[in-house]
Amino acid sequence: MPTSVRDVMTTNVISFTRDESVTDGMQRLIDANVSGGPVVDDDGRLVGVIARGDILRYMVSGRDSS
């Protein structure tokens, strides 16, 4: 049984920028077969997290124009 987050975390992490399109972000999540990832600013600092569920809710809301 794992004893810490270190035992189960992913180390090859894909990150996203705030300006990346929703469609591109979703495609990258699918291609990498991951459910989410960090959103970073131009200096690589964490500014948020995006997940497939966030993108799907956005697309279903009808606000997606891509």
Protein backbone atom coordinates (compact mmCIF):
# COMPACT_ATOMS: atom_id res chain seq x y z
CA MET A 1 0.00 0.00 0.00
CA PRO A 2 1.38 3.45 -0.94
CA THR A 3 2.45 5.54 2.02
CA SER A 4 2.59 8.98 0.43
CA VAL A 5 1.55 11.00 -2.59
CA ARG A 6 5.08 10.54 -3.94
CA ASP A 7 4.29 6.84 -4.43
CA VAL A 8 1.40 7.51 -6.83
CA MET A 9 2.06 10.92 -8.39
CA THR A 10 2.87 11.52 -12.03
CA THR A 11 6.28 13.00 -12.70
CA ASN A 12 5.96 13.55 -16.47
CA VAL A 13 3.42 16.38 -16.14
CA ILE A 14 1.96 18.34 -19.04
CA SER A 15 1.15 21.96 -18.28
CA PHE A 16 -1.07 24.53 -19.90
CA THR A 17 -0.99 28.28 -20.37
CA ARG A 18 -3.86 30.63 -19.60
CA ASP A 19 -4.08 31.60 -23.27
CA GLU A 20 -4.28 28.05 -24.65
CA SER A 21 -7.58 27.32 -26.37
CA VAL A 22 -10.10 25.08 -24.64
CA THR A 23 -10.11 22.78 -27.67
CA ASP A 24 -6.32 22.47 -27.74
CA GLY A 25 -6.22 21.87 -24.00
CA MET A 26 -8.76 19.07 -24.24
CA GLN A 27 -6.92 17.47 -27.14
CA ARG A 28 -3.65 17.52 -25.22
CA LEU A 29 -5.33 15.90 -22.20
CA ILE A 30 -6.75 13.17 -24.44
CA ASP A 31 -3.43 12.64 -26.26
CA ALA A 32 -1.55 12.35 -22.95
CA ASN A 33 -4.30 10.14 -21.47
CA VAL A 34 -4.50 12.27 -18.34
CA SER A 35 -7.46 13.86 -16.60
CA GLY A 36 -5.92 17.25 -15.87
CA GLY A 37 -2.86 19.37 -15.33
CA PRO A 38 -1.46 22.60 -13.96
CA VAL A 39 -1.96 25.97 -15.63
CA VAL A 40 1.17 28.12 -15.43
CA ASP A 41 2.04 31.74 -16.18
CA ASP A 42 4.91 32.95 -18.38
CA ASP A 43 7.36 32.39 -15.51
CA GLY A 44 6.21 28.81 -14.94
CA ARG A 45 4.36 29.67 -11.73
CA LEU A 46 1.19 27.76 -10.94
CA VAL A 47 -1.93 29.86 -11.51
CA GLY A 48 -4.54 27.10 -11.60
CA VAL A 49 -5.48 23.59 -12.58
CA ILE A 50 -7.56 22.42 -15.55
CA ALA A 51 -9.34 19.08 -15.78
CA ARG A 52 -11.31 17.25 -18.46
CA GLY A 53 -14.45 17.75 -16.38
CA ASP A 54 -13.91 21.54 -16.34
CA ILE A 55 -13.59 21.60 -20.12
CA LEU A 56 -16.57 19.30 -20.68
CA ARG A 57 -18.79 21.44 -18.43
CA TYR A 58 -17.67 24.52 -20.35
CA MET A 59 -18.40 22.94 -23.73
CA VAL A 60 -21.81 21.62 -22.64
CA SER A 61 -22.73 25.07 -21.31
CA GLY A 62 -22.76 26.34 -24.91
CA ARG A 63 -20.06 28.96 -24.29
CA ASP A 64 -17.53 27.15 -26.50
CA SER A 65 -17.21 28.93 -29.84
CA SER A 66 -14.43 26.78 -31.39
